[in-house]
């Protein structure tokens, strides 16, 4: 899940990723329920770290902070 703004997402993103901006995470918790693995990422890793904390506080513990979208992008073909 790319937690950057929609404008950042549109300027480039990981193929197949979903954009849920950080400020919308609390209202979108249902989108994360029952997911086997969740990787959150952003531009620098700071917002994805915050997203991971929000999700974990909501009881969603299978979350990995993937750091930057550029880093994650190198693993997606």
C-alpha atoms as a PDB file:
ATOM      1  CA  UNK A   1       0.000   0.000   0.000  1.00  0.00           C
ATOM      2  CA  UNK A   2       1.433   3.333  -1.119  1.00  0.00           C
ATOM      3  CA  UNK A   3       0.646   5.909   1.590  1.00  0.00           C
ATOM      4  CA  UNK A   4       1.776   8.959  -0.396  1.00  0.00           C
ATOM      5  CA  UNK A   5      -0.621  11.611  -1.683  1.00  0.00           C
ATOM      6  CA  UNK A   6      -2.632  10.908  -4.839  1.00  0.00           C
ATOM      7  CA  UNK A   7      -0.482  13.420  -6.759  1.00  0.00           C
ATOM      8  CA  UNK A   8       2.719  11.646  -5.686  1.00  0.00           C
ATOM      9  CA  UNK A   9       1.199   8.296  -6.608  1.00  0.00           C
ATOM     10  CA  UNK A  10       0.228   9.550 -10.064  1.00  0.00           C
ATOM     11  CA  UNK A  11       3.756  10.809 -10.701  1.00  0.00           C
ATOM     12  CA  UNK A  12       5.062   7.242 -10.370  1.00  0.00           C
ATOM     13  CA  UNK A  13       4.195   4.146  -8.368  1.00  0.00           C
ATOM     14  CA  UNK A  14       4.776   0.436  -7.919  1.00  0.00           C
ATOM     15  CA  UNK A  15       2.852  -1.592 -10.508  1.00  0.00           C
ATOM     16  CA  UNK A  16      -0.232  -3.129  -8.903  1.00  0.00           C
ATOM     17  CA  UNK A  17       0.023  -1.073  -5.728  1.00  0.00           C
ATOM     18  CA  UNK A  18      -2.946   0.541  -4.025  1.00  0.00           C
ATOM     19  CA  UNK A  19      -2.858   4.194  -2.965  1.00  0.00           C
ATOM     20  CA  UNK A  20      -4.307   4.911   0.473  1.00  0.00           C
ATOM     21  CA  UNK A  21      -2.797   8.199   1.689  1.00  0.00           C
ATOM     22  CA  UNK A  22      -1.577   8.260   5.285  1.00  0.00           C
ATOM     23  CA  UNK A  23      -4.310  10.645   6.435  1.00  0.00           C
ATOM     24  CA  UNK A  24      -6.967   8.199   5.172  1.00  0.00           C
ATOM     25  CA  UNK A  25      -5.542   5.076   6.854  1.00  0.00           C
ATOM     26  CA  UNK A  26      -7.690   5.350  10.033  1.00  0.00           C
ATOM     27  CA  UNK A  27     -10.867   5.503   7.950  1.00  0.00           C
ATOM     28  CA  UNK A  28      -9.807   2.659   5.653  1.00  0.00           C
ATOM     29  CA  UNK A  29      -8.972  -0.016   8.245  1.00  0.00           C
ATOM     30  CA  UNK A  30     -11.460  -2.434   6.651  1.00  0.00           C
ATOM     31  CA  UNK A  31      -9.271  -2.488   3.514  1.00  0.00           C
ATOM     32  CA  UNK A  32      -6.484  -4.046   5.596  1.00  0.00           C
ATOM     33  CA  UNK A  33      -8.484  -6.618   7.568  1.00  0.00           C
ATOM     34  CA  UNK A  34      -7.889 -10.268   6.660  1.00  0.00           C
ATOM     35  CA  UNK A  35      -4.911  -9.492   4.408  1.00  0.00           C
ATOM     36  CA  UNK A  36      -2.142 -12.066   4.715  1.00  0.00           C
ATOM     37  CA  UNK A  37       0.763  -9.652   4.269  1.00  0.00           C
ATOM     38  CA  UNK A  38       0.702  -5.876   4.162  1.00  0.00           C
ATOM     39  CA  UNK A  39       3.636  -3.784   2.954  1.00  0.00           C
ATOM     40  CA  UNK A  40       3.336  -0.023   3.368  1.00  0.00           C
ATOM     41  CA  UNK A  41       5.683   2.399   1.623  1.00  0.00           C
ATOM     42  CA  UNK A  42       6.046   6.062   0.706  1.00  0.00           C
ATOM     43  CA  UNK A  43       8.731   8.493  -0.494  1.00  0.00           C
ATOM     44  CA  UNK A  44      11.156   8.328   2.439  1.00  0.00           C
ATOM     45  CA  UNK A  45       9.837   5.671   4.825  1.00  0.00           C
ATOM     46  CA  UNK A  46       8.525   8.136   7.432  1.00  0.00           C
ATOM     47  CA  UNK A  47       4.850   8.072   6.428  1.00  0.00           C
ATOM     48  CA  UNK A  48       4.934   4.310   5.961  1.00  0.00           C
ATOM     49  CA  UNK A  49       6.335   4.024   9.499  1.00  0.00           C
ATOM     50  CA  UNK A  50       3.426   6.103  10.774  1.00  0.00           C
ATOM     51  CA  UNK A  51       0.971   3.980   8.766  1.00  0.00           C
ATOM     52  CA  UNK A  52       2.449   0.799  10.260  1.00  0.00           C
ATOM     53  CA  UNK A  53       1.949   2.222  13.762  1.00  0.00           C
ATOM     54  CA  UNK A  54      -1.669   3.199  13.042  1.00  0.00           C
ATOM     55  CA  UNK A  55      -2.445  -0.253  11.680  1.00  0.00           C
ATOM     56  CA  UNK A  56      -0.752  -2.035  14.584  1.00  0.00           C
ATOM     57  CA  UNK A  57      -2.649   0.105  17.108  1.00  0.00           C
ATOM     58  CA  UNK A  58      -5.836  -1.064  15.359  1.00  0.00           C
ATOM     59  CA  UNK A  59      -4.799  -4.698  15.873  1.00  0.00           C
ATOM     60  CA  UNK A  60      -3.453  -5.338  12.363  1.00  0.00           C
ATOM     61  CA  UNK A  61      -0.056  -6.853  13.072  1.00  0.00           C
ATOM     62  CA  UNK A  62       1.046  -8.388   9.771  1.00  0.00           C
ATOM     63  CA  UNK A  63       2.456  -5.076   8.510  1.00  0.00           C
ATOM     64  CA  UNK A  64       5.919  -4.431   7.115  1.00  0.00           C
ATOM     65  CA  UNK A  65       7.337  -0.949   6.597  1.00  0.00           C
ATOM     66  CA  UNK A  66       8.796  -1.324   3.125  1.00  0.00           C
ATOM     67  CA  UNK A  67      10.394   2.115   3.203  1.00  0.00           C
ATOM     68  CA  UNK A  68      10.503   3.918  -0.119  1.00  0.00           C
ATOM     69  CA  UNK A  69       8.426   3.149  -3.171  1.00  0.00           C
ATOM     70  CA  UNK A  70      11.610   3.159  -5.266  1.00  0.00           C
ATOM     71  CA  UNK A  71      13.035   0.385  -3.073  1.00  0.00           C
ATOM     72  CA  UNK A  72       9.875  -1.733  -3.334  1.00  0.00           C
ATOM     73  CA  UNK A  73       9.628  -1.065  -7.074  1.00  0.00           C
ATOM     74  CA  UNK A  74      12.903  -2.876  -7.768  1.00  0.00           C
ATOM     75  CA  UNK A  75      11.315  -6.163  -6.606  1.00  0.00           C
ATOM     76  CA  UNK A  76       8.192  -5.883  -8.771  1.00  0.00           C
ATOM     77  CA  UNK A  77       8.374  -7.063 -12.367  1.00  0.00           C
END
